[in-house]
Amino acid sequence: MNDGKKATPAGSSGQGKYDYWHEWYENTWKPLFNIPQFGLTRYYQEHTYQSLDKYFQLQGTLTEFLDLLLQPFSKSFQDSQKILLEAALENTEIKDPKDFYAKWLSMLEKQYMALFRSPDYTQRLNKTMDSLNDFIISRQTVLEDVLQLLPVPTNSDMDGLYKELYELKKRVRELEKEQVMH
């Protein structure tokens, strides 16, 4: 699948490499997870492949989000290196490492405040949480498939039981009210 595209970073965040990865995944691996299954276990195979697909999508979005969270560290380290380089070129010494550390910490804090206020952070956090939610739902489906083979009630079984119990209680209350009225 070499159609002339390169994984070059687009902008300071390096978003291009993630776009390239997502495109590569969508064109290469995702179709394999969507191959129609056959046989007696096709239902379980489909759930397993859907879960694997959601897992790999989660890994991609999580990596992208973590890279975004590490950018303030990188920027503050670069800024502190510039300060150290300027001090070295001027033949001045940094007298108190604690003061230098406090400056670096202040730069780091400013970088994080700028990041947390940015729409890019909110969008990527939302995308990551959506991907996590999709994976958890998919994983729960596979877990229920496995639990059906064991003599253990699944969440669906318990939900059905609770619903039936609720309806029975409601019916008993109605019958008690009718009994009192007569």
N, C-alpha and C. Protein backbone atom coordinates (compact mmCIF):
# COMPACT_ATOMS: atom_id res chain seq x y z
N MET A 1 0.83 -1.18 0.00
CA MET A 1 0.00 0.00 0.00
C MET A 1 0.87 1.24 0.00
N ASN A 2 1.77 1.33 -0.90
CA ASN A 2 2.62 2.50 -0.98
C ASN A 2 2.10 3.38 -2.10
N ASP A 3 1.28 4.34 -1.75
CA ASP A 3 0.72 5.24 -2.76
C ASP A 3 1.37 6.61 -2.68
N GLY A 4 2.63 6.64 -2.34
CA GLY A 4 3.38 7.88 -2.37
C GLY A 4 3.26 8.75 -1.14
N LYS A 5 2.51 8.32 -0.15
CA LYS A 5 2.35 9.15 1.05
C LYS A 5 3.47 8.83 2.03
N LYS A 6 3.88 9.86 2.72
CA LYS A 6 4.91 9.69 3.74
C LYS A 6 4.34 10.07 5.09
N ALA A 7 4.88 9.44 6.12
CA ALA A 7 4.42 9.73 7.48
C ALA A 7 5.17 10.93 8.01
N THR A 8 4.91 12.08 7.45
CA THR A 8 5.58 13.29 7.91
C THR A 8 4.70 14.00 8.90
N PRO A 9 5.31 14.55 9.93
CA PRO A 9 4.52 15.28 10.92
C PRO A 9 3.89 16.52 10.30
N ALA A 10 2.62 16.69 10.57
CA ALA A 10 1.91 17.88 10.08
C ALA A 10 1.68 18.82 11.25
N GLY A 11 2.57 19.74 11.43
CA GLY A 11 2.42 20.67 12.55
C GLY A 11 3.28 20.26 13.71
N SER A 12 3.18 21.02 14.78
CA SER A 12 4.05 20.79 15.93
C SER A 12 3.68 19.54 16.71
N SER A 13 2.43 19.11 16.60
CA SER A 13 2.01 17.95 17.39
C SER A 13 2.35 16.64 16.72
N GLY A 14 2.84 16.67 15.46
CA GLY A 14 3.13 15.43 14.78
C GLY A 14 1.87 14.67 14.43
N GLN A 15 0.78 15.37 14.20
CA GLN A 15 -0.51 14.74 13.94
C GLN A 15 -0.46 13.88 12.69
N GLY A 16 0.40 14.21 11.73
CA GLY A 16 0.48 13.48 10.48
C GLY A 16 0.79 12.01 10.65
N LYS A 17 1.67 11.69 11.58
CA LYS A 17 2.03 10.28 11.78
C LYS A 17 0.83 9.49 12.31
N TYR A 18 -0.02 10.11 13.10
CA TYR A 18 -1.20 9.41 13.61
C TYR A 18 -2.26 9.28 12.52
N ASP A 19 -2.42 10.31 11.71
CA ASP A 19 -3.34 10.22 10.58
C ASP A 19 -2.89 9.10 9.65
N TYR A 20 -1.59 9.03 9.41
CA TYR A 20 -1.03 7.97 8.55
C TYR A 20 -1.30 6.61 9.17
N TRP A 21 -1.09 6.46 10.47
CA TRP A 21 -1.31 5.18 11.14
C TRP A 21 -2.78 4.79 11.05
N HIS A 22 -3.69 5.73 11.35
CA HIS A 22 -5.11 5.44 11.30
C HIS A 22 -5.55 5.02 9.88
N GLU A 23 -5.03 5.73 8.87
CA GLU A 23 -5.35 5.39 7.49
C GLU A 23 -4.81 4.00 7.15
N TRP A 24 -3.59 3.74 7.55
CA TRP A 24 -2.98 2.42 7.30
C TRP A 24 -3.80 1.32 7.97
N TYR A 25 -4.20 1.55 9.21
CA TYR A 25 -4.99 0.55 9.93
C TYR A 25 -6.34 0.32 9.24
N GLU A 26 -7.00 1.42 8.87
CA GLU A 26 -8.32 1.32 8.22
C GLU A 26 -8.23 0.55 6.90
N ASN A 27 -7.12 0.71 6.18
CA ASN A 27 -6.99 0.06 4.88
C ASN A 27 -6.39 -1.34 4.95
N THR A 28 -5.64 -1.64 6.00
CA THR A 28 -4.92 -2.91 6.06
C THR A 28 -5.56 -3.91 7.00
N TRP A 29 -5.72 -3.56 8.26
CA TRP A 29 -6.17 -4.53 9.26
C TRP A 29 -7.67 -4.55 9.48
N LYS A 30 -8.30 -3.42 9.45
CA LYS A 30 -9.75 -3.37 9.73
C LYS A 30 -10.55 -4.27 8.80
N PRO A 31 -10.24 -4.30 7.49
CA PRO A 31 -10.99 -5.22 6.63
C PRO A 31 -10.86 -6.69 7.05
N LEU A 32 -9.73 -7.05 7.62
CA LEU A 32 -9.57 -8.44 8.08
C LEU A 32 -10.50 -8.76 9.24
N PHE A 33 -10.76 -7.78 10.08
CA PHE A 33 -11.65 -7.99 11.22
C PHE A 33 -13.12 -8.00 10.79
N ASN A 34 -13.39 -7.50 9.58
CA ASN A 34 -14.77 -7.44 9.10
C ASN A 34 -15.10 -8.54 8.09
N ILE A 35 -14.23 -9.54 7.98
CA ILE A 35 -14.50 -10.66 7.08
C ILE A 35 -15.69 -11.44 7.63
N PRO A 36 -16.65 -11.77 6.78
CA PRO A 36 -17.81 -12.53 7.28
C PRO A 36 -17.37 -13.89 7.83
N GLN A 37 -17.93 -14.26 8.95
CA GLN A 37 -17.61 -15.53 9.59
C GLN A 37 -18.67 -16.56 9.21
N PHE A 38 -18.31 -17.83 9.35
CA PHE A 38 -19.27 -18.89 9.06
C PHE A 38 -19.07 -20.02 10.06
N GLY A 39 -20.04 -20.88 10.12
CA GLY A 39 -19.96 -22.01 11.03
C GLY A 39 -20.76 -21.75 12.30
N LEU A 40 -20.70 -22.73 13.18
CA LEU A 40 -21.49 -22.65 14.40
C LEU A 40 -21.03 -21.55 15.35
N THR A 41 -19.76 -21.20 15.30
CA THR A 41 -19.23 -20.20 16.24
C THR A 41 -19.07 -18.82 15.61
N ARG A 42 -19.71 -18.59 14.47
CA ARG A 42 -19.51 -17.30 13.78
C ARG A 42 -19.93 -16.11 14.65
N TYR A 43 -20.98 -16.29 15.42
CA TYR A 43 -21.46 -15.24 16.30
C TYR A 43 -20.36 -14.82 17.28
N TYR A 44 -19.69 -15.78 17.89
CA TYR A 44 -18.63 -15.50 18.86
C TYR A 44 -17.38 -14.95 18.18
N GLN A 45 -17.09 -15.47 16.98
CA GLN A 45 -15.94 -14.96 16.24
C GLN A 45 -16.13 -13.49 15.86
N GLU A 46 -17.34 -13.14 15.44
CA GLU A 46 -17.61 -11.75 15.09
C GLU A 46 -17.41 -10.84 16.29
N HIS A 47 -17.91 -11.26 17.44
CA HIS A 47 -17.74 -10.45 18.66
C HIS A 47 -16.26 -10.32 19.02
N THR A 48 -15.52 -11.39 18.89
CA THR A 48 -14.09 -11.36 19.22
C THR A 48 -13.35 -10.42 18.27
N TYR A 49 -13.63 -10.52 16.98
CA TYR A 49 -12.96 -9.65 16.01
C TYR A 49 -13.35 -8.19 16.20
N GLN A 50 -14.62 -7.94 16.52
CA GLN A 50 -15.05 -6.57 16.79
C GLN A 50 -14.31 -6.01 18.01
N SER A 51 -14.14 -6.87 19.01
CA SER A 51 -13.43 -6.44 20.21
C SER A 51 -11.96 -6.14 19.90
N LEU A 52 -11.33 -6.98 19.09
CA LEU A 52 -9.94 -6.73 18.69
C LEU A 52 -9.83 -5.43 17.91
N ASP A 53 -10.77 -5.18 17.02
CA ASP A 53 -10.79 -3.95 16.25
C ASP A 53 -10.89 -2.74 17.18
N LYS A 54 -11.81 -2.80 18.13
CA LYS A 54 -11.97 -1.70 19.09
C LYS A 54 -10.71 -1.52 19.94
N TYR A 55 -10.06 -2.63 20.29
CA TYR A 55 -8.84 -2.56 21.09
C TYR A 55 -7.73 -1.83 20.32
N PHE A 56 -7.53 -2.18 19.06
CA PHE A 56 -6.49 -1.53 18.28
C PHE A 56 -6.81 -0.07 18.03
N GLN A 57 -8.08 0.26 17.84
CA GLN A 57 -8.46 1.66 17.69
C GLN A 57 -8.19 2.42 18.99
N LEU A 58 -8.47 1.79 20.12
CA LEU A 58 -8.19 2.41 21.41
C LEU A 58 -6.69 2.66 21.57
N GLN A 59 -5.88 1.68 21.19
CA GLN A 59 -4.43 1.85 21.31
C GLN A 59 -3.95 3.04 20.48
N GLY A 60 -4.49 3.19 19.28
CA GLY A 60 -4.09 4.32 18.43
C GLY A 60 -4.49 5.65 19.03
N THR A 61 -5.72 5.77 19.48
CA THR A 61 -6.17 7.05 20.03
C THR A 61 -5.50 7.33 21.38
N LEU A 62 -5.24 6.29 22.15
CA LEU A 62 -4.57 6.48 23.43
C LEU A 62 -3.12 6.94 23.23
N THR A 63 -2.45 6.37 22.26
CA THR A 63 -1.08 6.79 21.95
C THR A 63 -1.05 8.25 21.51
N GLU A 64 -2.01 8.61 20.68
CA GLU A 64 -2.12 9.99 20.21
C GLU A 64 -2.36 10.94 21.39
N PHE A 65 -3.24 10.55 22.30
CA PHE A 65 -3.56 11.39 23.45
C PHE A 65 -2.36 11.52 24.39
N LEU A 66 -1.67 10.41 24.63
CA LEU A 66 -0.50 10.45 25.51
C LEU A 66 0.61 11.30 24.92
N ASP A 67 0.76 11.25 23.60
CA ASP A 67 1.74 12.10 22.94
C ASP A 67 1.40 13.57 23.17
N LEU A 68 0.12 13.89 23.10
CA LEU A 68 -0.32 15.26 23.36
C LEU A 68 0.00 15.67 24.80
N LEU A 69 -0.21 14.75 25.74
CA LEU A 69 0.08 15.05 27.15
C LEU A 69 1.57 15.24 27.43
N LEU A 70 2.42 14.64 26.60
CA LEU A 70 3.86 14.78 26.82
C LEU A 70 4.46 16.01 26.14
N GLN A 71 3.70 16.66 25.28
CA GLN A 71 4.23 17.83 24.58
C GLN A 71 4.67 18.96 25.51
N PRO A 72 3.94 19.27 26.59
CA PRO A 72 4.43 20.33 27.49
C PRO A 72 5.80 20.01 28.10
N PHE A 73 6.04 18.73 28.41
CA PHE A 73 7.36 18.35 28.93
C PHE A 73 8.43 18.66 27.89
N SER A 74 8.18 18.25 26.67
CA SER A 74 9.15 18.47 25.60
C SER A 74 9.42 19.96 25.41
N LYS A 75 8.35 20.76 25.36
CA LYS A 75 8.51 22.19 25.15
C LYS A 75 9.24 22.86 26.31
N SER A 76 8.91 22.46 27.53
CA SER A 76 9.58 23.09 28.68
C SER A 76 11.05 22.67 28.76
N PHE A 77 11.35 21.43 28.38
CA PHE A 77 12.75 20.99 28.35
C PHE A 77 13.53 21.77 27.29
N GLN A 78 12.93 21.99 26.14
CA GLN A 78 13.60 22.77 25.09
C GLN A 78 13.84 24.20 25.55
N ASP A 79 12.86 24.78 26.22
CA ASP A 79 13.02 26.15 26.73
C ASP A 79 14.13 26.20 27.78
N SER A 80 14.19 25.19 28.66
CA SER A 80 15.25 25.20 29.68
C SER A 80 16.62 24.96 29.06
N GLN A 81 16.66 24.16 27.99
CA GLN A 81 17.94 23.96 27.31
C GLN A 81 18.42 25.26 26.68
N LYS A 82 17.49 26.05 26.16
CA LYS A 82 17.86 27.36 25.59
C LYS A 82 18.44 28.26 26.67
N ILE A 83 17.82 28.24 27.84
CA ILE A 83 18.32 29.05 28.95
C ILE A 83 19.74 28.60 29.33
N LEU A 84 19.95 27.30 29.41
CA LEU A 84 21.27 26.77 29.75
C LEU A 84 22.29 27.10 28.66
N LEU A 85 21.88 27.01 27.40
CA LEU A 85 22.79 27.34 26.30
C LEU A 85 23.17 28.81 26.33
N GLU A 86 22.19 29.68 26.57
CA GLU A 86 22.47 31.12 26.67
C GLU A 86 23.41 31.40 27.83
N ALA A 87 23.20 30.72 28.95
CA ALA A 87 24.08 30.90 30.11
C ALA A 87 25.49 30.42 29.77
N ALA A 88 25.61 29.33 29.04
CA ALA A 88 26.93 28.82 28.68
C ALA A 88 27.62 29.74 27.69
N LEU A 89 26.87 30.30 26.74
CA LEU A 89 27.47 31.21 25.77
C LEU A 89 27.92 32.52 26.41
N GLU A 90 27.22 32.94 27.45
CA GLU A 90 27.57 34.17 28.15
C GLU A 90 28.58 33.91 29.27
N ASN A 91 29.00 32.66 29.40
CA ASN A 91 29.93 32.24 30.45
C ASN A 91 29.41 32.58 31.85
N THR A 92 28.12 32.46 32.02
CA THR A 92 27.55 32.66 33.35
C THR A 92 27.14 31.31 33.90
N GLU A 93 27.20 31.23 35.17
CA GLU A 93 26.86 29.98 35.85
C GLU A 93 25.49 30.10 36.47
N ILE A 94 24.77 28.99 36.47
CA ILE A 94 23.50 28.96 37.19
C ILE A 94 23.87 28.66 38.62
N LYS A 95 23.65 29.65 39.48
CA LYS A 95 24.14 29.54 40.85
C LYS A 95 23.31 28.61 41.71
N ASP A 96 22.00 28.70 41.58
CA ASP A 96 21.15 27.89 42.44
C ASP A 96 20.28 26.96 41.59
N PRO A 97 20.55 25.67 41.63
CA PRO A 97 19.75 24.72 40.84
C PRO A 97 18.26 24.75 41.23
N LYS A 98 17.98 25.09 42.49
CA LYS A 98 16.59 25.14 42.92
C LYS A 98 15.83 26.25 42.20
N ASP A 99 16.50 27.39 41.98
CA ASP A 99 15.87 28.48 41.23
C ASP A 99 15.61 28.07 39.78
N PHE A 100 16.61 27.40 39.19
CA PHE A 100 16.45 26.92 37.82
C PHE A 100 15.31 25.91 37.73
N TYR A 101 15.22 25.02 38.70
CA TYR A 101 14.15 24.04 38.75
C TYR A 101 12.79 24.74 38.89
N ALA A 102 12.73 25.77 39.72
CA ALA A 102 11.48 26.52 39.90
C ALA A 102 11.08 27.20 38.58
N LYS A 103 12.07 27.73 37.83
CA LYS A 103 11.77 28.33 36.53
C LYS A 103 11.22 27.28 35.57
N TRP A 104 11.87 26.12 35.55
CA TRP A 104 11.41 25.05 34.67
C TRP A 104 9.99 24.60 35.05
N LEU A 105 9.74 24.48 36.34
CA LEU A 105 8.43 24.07 36.80
C LEU A 105 7.37 25.10 36.41
N SER A 106 7.72 26.36 36.49
CA SER A 106 6.80 27.43 36.08
C SER A 106 6.51 27.35 34.58
N MET A 107 7.56 27.11 33.78
CA MET A 107 7.36 26.97 32.33
C MET A 107 6.47 25.76 32.04
N LEU A 108 6.70 24.66 32.74
CA LEU A 108 5.92 23.45 32.55
C LEU A 108 4.45 23.69 32.90
N GLU A 109 4.23 24.39 34.00
CA GLU A 109 2.87 24.69 34.43
C GLU A 109 2.15 25.54 33.39
N LYS A 110 2.84 26.53 32.83
CA LYS A 110 2.23 27.38 31.79
C LYS A 110 1.89 26.57 30.55
N GLN A 111 2.79 25.65 30.19
CA GLN A 111 2.54 24.81 29.02
C GLN A 111 1.31 23.93 29.24
N TYR A 112 1.19 23.34 30.43
CA TYR A 112 0.04 22.49 30.71
C TYR A 112 -1.26 23.29 30.78
N MET A 113 -1.21 24.48 31.34
CA MET A 113 -2.42 25.31 31.39
C MET A 113 -2.87 25.67 29.98
N ALA A 114 -1.92 25.96 29.11
CA ALA A 114 -2.27 26.27 27.72
C ALA A 114 -2.85 25.02 27.04
N LEU A 115 -2.26 23.87 27.31
CA LEU A 115 -2.76 22.63 26.72
C LEU A 115 -4.17 22.32 27.19
N PHE A 116 -4.41 22.39 28.50
CA PHE A 116 -5.71 22.03 29.04
C PHE A 116 -6.83 22.97 28.58
N ARG A 117 -6.46 24.18 28.18
CA ARG A 117 -7.46 25.14 27.69
C ARG A 117 -7.67 25.03 26.19
N SER A 118 -6.84 24.25 25.51
CA SER A 118 -6.92 24.20 24.05
C SER A 118 -8.05 23.30 23.58
N PRO A 119 -8.67 23.64 22.47
CA PRO A 119 -9.73 22.79 21.91
C PRO A 119 -9.18 21.44 21.43
N ASP A 120 -7.90 21.42 21.03
CA ASP A 120 -7.27 20.17 20.58
C ASP A 120 -7.27 19.14 21.71
N TYR A 121 -6.96 19.59 22.92
CA TYR A 121 -6.95 18.69 24.08
C TYR A 121 -8.35 18.12 24.32
N THR A 122 -9.34 18.97 24.28
CA THR A 122 -10.72 18.53 24.53
C THR A 122 -11.17 17.55 23.46
N GLN A 123 -10.84 17.82 22.21
CA GLN A 123 -11.24 16.94 21.12
C GLN A 123 -10.56 15.58 21.25
N ARG A 124 -9.28 15.58 21.54
CA ARG A 124 -8.57 14.30 21.65
C ARG A 124 -9.00 13.52 22.89
N LEU A 125 -9.27 14.22 23.97
CA LEU A 125 -9.77 13.54 25.17
C LEU A 125 -11.13 12.90 24.88
N ASN A 126 -11.99 13.63 24.20
CA ASN A 126 -13.30 13.10 23.82
C ASN A 126 -13.15 11.88 22.91
N LYS A 127 -12.27 11.98 21.94
CA LYS A 127 -12.05 10.87 21.00
C LYS A 127 -11.51 9.64 21.75
N THR A 128 -10.61 9.86 22.69
CA THR A 128 -10.03 8.76 23.47
C THR A 128 -11.09 8.12 24.36
N MET A 129 -11.90 8.93 25.01
CA MET A 129 -12.94 8.38 25.89
C MET A 129 -14.01 7.64 25.08
N ASP A 130 -14.35 8.14 23.90
CA ASP A 130 -15.29 7.43 23.04
C ASP A 130 -14.72 6.08 22.63
N SER A 131 -13.46 6.07 22.27
CA SER A 131 -12.81 4.83 21.87
C SER A 131 -12.74 3.85 23.04
N LEU A 132 -12.45 4.34 24.23
CA LEU A 132 -12.42 3.49 25.42
C LEU A 132 -13.80 2.91 25.69
N ASN A 133 -14.83 3.74 25.59
CA ASN A 133 -16.20 3.28 25.82
C ASN A 133 -16.59 2.19 24.81
N ASP A 134 -16.24 2.40 23.53
CA ASP A 134 -16.53 1.40 22.50
C ASP A 134 -15.84 0.08 22.82
N PHE A 135 -14.58 0.16 23.25
CA PHE A 135 -13.85 -1.07 23.58
C PHE A 135 -14.47 -1.77 24.79
N ILE A 136 -14.84 -1.03 25.82
CA ILE A 136 -15.42 -1.64 27.02
C ILE A 136 -16.73 -2.36 26.68
N ILE A 137 -17.56 -1.74 25.85
CA ILE A 137 -18.82 -2.37 25.44
C ILE A 137 -18.53 -3.65 24.65
N SER A 138 -17.60 -3.56 23.74
CA SER A 138 -17.24 -4.72 22.93
C SER A 138 -16.64 -5.84 23.78
N ARG A 139 -15.79 -5.47 24.71
CA ARG A 139 -15.17 -6.46 25.61
C ARG A 139 -16.23 -7.11 26.48
N GLN A 140 -17.21 -6.35 26.92
CA GLN A 140 -18.29 -6.89 27.75
C GLN A 140 -19.09 -7.93 26.96
N THR A 141 -19.30 -7.67 25.68
CA THR A 141 -20.02 -8.62 24.83
C THR A 141 -19.26 -9.94 24.73
N VAL A 142 -17.95 -9.87 24.54
CA VAL A 142 -17.13 -11.08 24.46
C VAL A 142 -17.14 -11.81 25.81
N LEU A 143 -17.05 -11.06 26.88
CA LEU A 143 -17.08 -11.67 28.21
C LEU A 143 -18.40 -12.39 28.46
N GLU A 144 -19.49 -11.79 28.03
CA GLU A 144 -20.79 -12.46 28.18
C GLU A 144 -20.84 -13.74 27.35
N ASP A 145 -20.26 -13.71 26.15
CA ASP A 145 -20.21 -14.91 25.33
C ASP A 145 -19.47 -16.04 26.05
N VAL A 146 -18.37 -15.70 26.70
CA VAL A 146 -17.58 -16.70 27.42
C VAL A 146 -18.34 -17.19 28.65
N LEU A 147 -18.97 -16.28 29.37
CA LEU A 147 -19.69 -16.66 30.59
C LEU A 147 -20.91 -17.53 30.30
N GLN A 148 -21.47 -17.43 29.10
CA GLN A 148 -22.61 -18.27 28.75
C GLN A 148 -22.24 -19.75 28.74
N LEU A 149 -20.96 -20.04 28.53
CA LEU A 149 -20.51 -21.43 28.52
C LEU A 149 -20.36 -21.99 29.93
N LEU A 150 -20.33 -21.11 30.92
CA LEU A 150 -20.16 -21.54 32.31
C LEU A 150 -21.49 -21.46 33.05
N PRO A 151 -21.61 -22.20 34.15
CA PRO A 151 -22.86 -22.10 34.92
C PRO A 151 -22.88 -20.87 35.82
N VAL A 152 -22.68 -19.70 35.20
CA VAL A 152 -22.62 -18.42 35.92
C VAL A 152 -23.60 -17.47 35.23
N PRO A 153 -24.41 -16.75 35.99
CA PRO A 153 -25.31 -15.80 35.33
C PRO A 153 -24.53 -14.62 34.75
N THR A 154 -24.94 -14.19 33.58
CA THR A 154 -24.30 -13.05 32.93
C THR A 154 -25.03 -11.77 33.31
N ASN A 155 -24.49 -10.66 32.92
CA ASN A 155 -25.15 -9.37 33.19
C ASN A 155 -26.52 -9.31 32.54
N SER A 156 -26.63 -9.84 31.33
CA SER A 156 -27.93 -9.84 30.65
C SER A 156 -28.93 -10.68 31.43
N ASP A 157 -28.49 -11.83 31.93
CA ASP A 157 -29.38 -12.68 32.73
C ASP A 157 -29.84 -11.93 33.98
N MET A 158 -28.91 -11.29 34.65
CA MET A 158 -29.25 -10.57 35.88
C MET A 158 -30.15 -9.37 35.59
N ASP A 159 -29.88 -8.67 34.49
CA ASP A 159 -30.75 -7.54 34.12
C ASP A 159 -32.17 -8.02 33.86
N GLY A 160 -32.30 -9.14 33.15
CA GLY A 160 -33.62 -9.71 32.90
C GLY A 160 -34.31 -10.11 34.18
N LEU A 161 -33.54 -10.70 35.10
CA LEU A 161 -34.09 -11.11 36.39
C LEU A 161 -34.56 -9.91 37.20
N TYR A 162 -33.75 -8.86 37.25
CA TYR A 162 -34.13 -7.65 37.97
C TYR A 162 -35.38 -7.01 37.37
N LYS A 163 -35.46 -7.01 36.05
CA LYS A 163 -36.63 -6.43 35.39
C LYS A 163 -37.89 -7.24 35.73
N GLU A 164 -37.75 -8.55 35.70
CA GLU A 164 -38.89 -9.41 36.03
C GLU A 164 -39.30 -9.24 37.49
N LEU A 165 -38.32 -9.14 38.38
CA LEU A 165 -38.61 -8.92 39.80
C LEU A 165 -39.32 -7.59 40.01
N TYR A 166 -38.87 -6.56 39.33
CA TYR A 166 -39.50 -5.24 39.43
C TYR A 166 -40.95 -5.32 38.97
N GLU A 167 -41.18 -5.97 37.84
CA GLU A 167 -42.54 -6.08 37.32
C GLU A 167 -43.43 -6.89 38.27
N LEU A 168 -42.88 -7.95 38.87
CA LEU A 168 -43.65 -8.74 39.83
C LEU A 168 -44.01 -7.92 41.07
N LYS A 169 -43.06 -7.14 41.59
CA LYS A 169 -43.35 -6.29 42.75
C LYS A 169 -44.44 -5.28 42.40
N LYS A 170 -44.33 -4.72 41.23
CA LYS A 170 -45.31 -3.74 40.78
C LYS A 170 -46.70 -4.39 40.69
N ARG A 171 -46.76 -5.59 40.16
CA ARG A 171 -48.03 -6.30 40.03
C ARG A 171 -48.61 -6.66 41.41
N VAL A 172 -47.73 -7.08 42.35
CA VAL A 172 -48.19 -7.41 43.71
C VAL A 172 -48.77 -6.17 44.38
N ARG A 173 -48.13 -5.00 44.22
CA ARG A 173 -48.65 -3.76 44.80
C ARG A 173 -50.04 -3.43 44.23
N GLU A 174 -50.18 -3.60 42.93
CA GLU A 174 -51.47 -3.34 42.30
C GLU A 174 -52.54 -4.28 42.85
N LEU A 175 -52.20 -5.55 43.01
CA LEU A 175 -53.15 -6.53 43.55
C LEU A 175 -53.50 -6.22 45.01
N GLU A 176 -52.49 -5.77 45.79
CA GLU A 176 -52.76 -5.39 47.18
C GLU A 176 -53.71 -4.21 47.23
N LYS A 177 -53.53 -3.24 46.36
CA LYS A 177 -54.43 -2.08 46.32
C LYS A 177 -55.83 -2.51 45.95
N GLU A 178 -55.96 -3.40 45.00
CA GLU A 178 -57.29 -3.90 44.62
C GLU A 178 -57.93 -4.66 45.79
N GLN A 179 -57.12 -5.44 46.52
CA GLN A 179 -57.62 -6.22 47.66
C GLN A 179 -58.12 -5.29 48.76
N VAL A 180 -57.41 -4.20 49.01
CA VAL A 180 -57.80 -3.25 50.05
C VAL A 180 -59.08 -2.54 49.64
N MET A 181 -59.26 -2.22 48.41
CA MET A 181 -60.43 -1.51 47.94
C MET A 181 -61.70 -2.39 48.01
N HIS A 182 -61.57 -3.67 47.93
CA HIS A 182 -62.74 -4.54 47.96
C HIS A 182 -63.03 -4.97 49.34
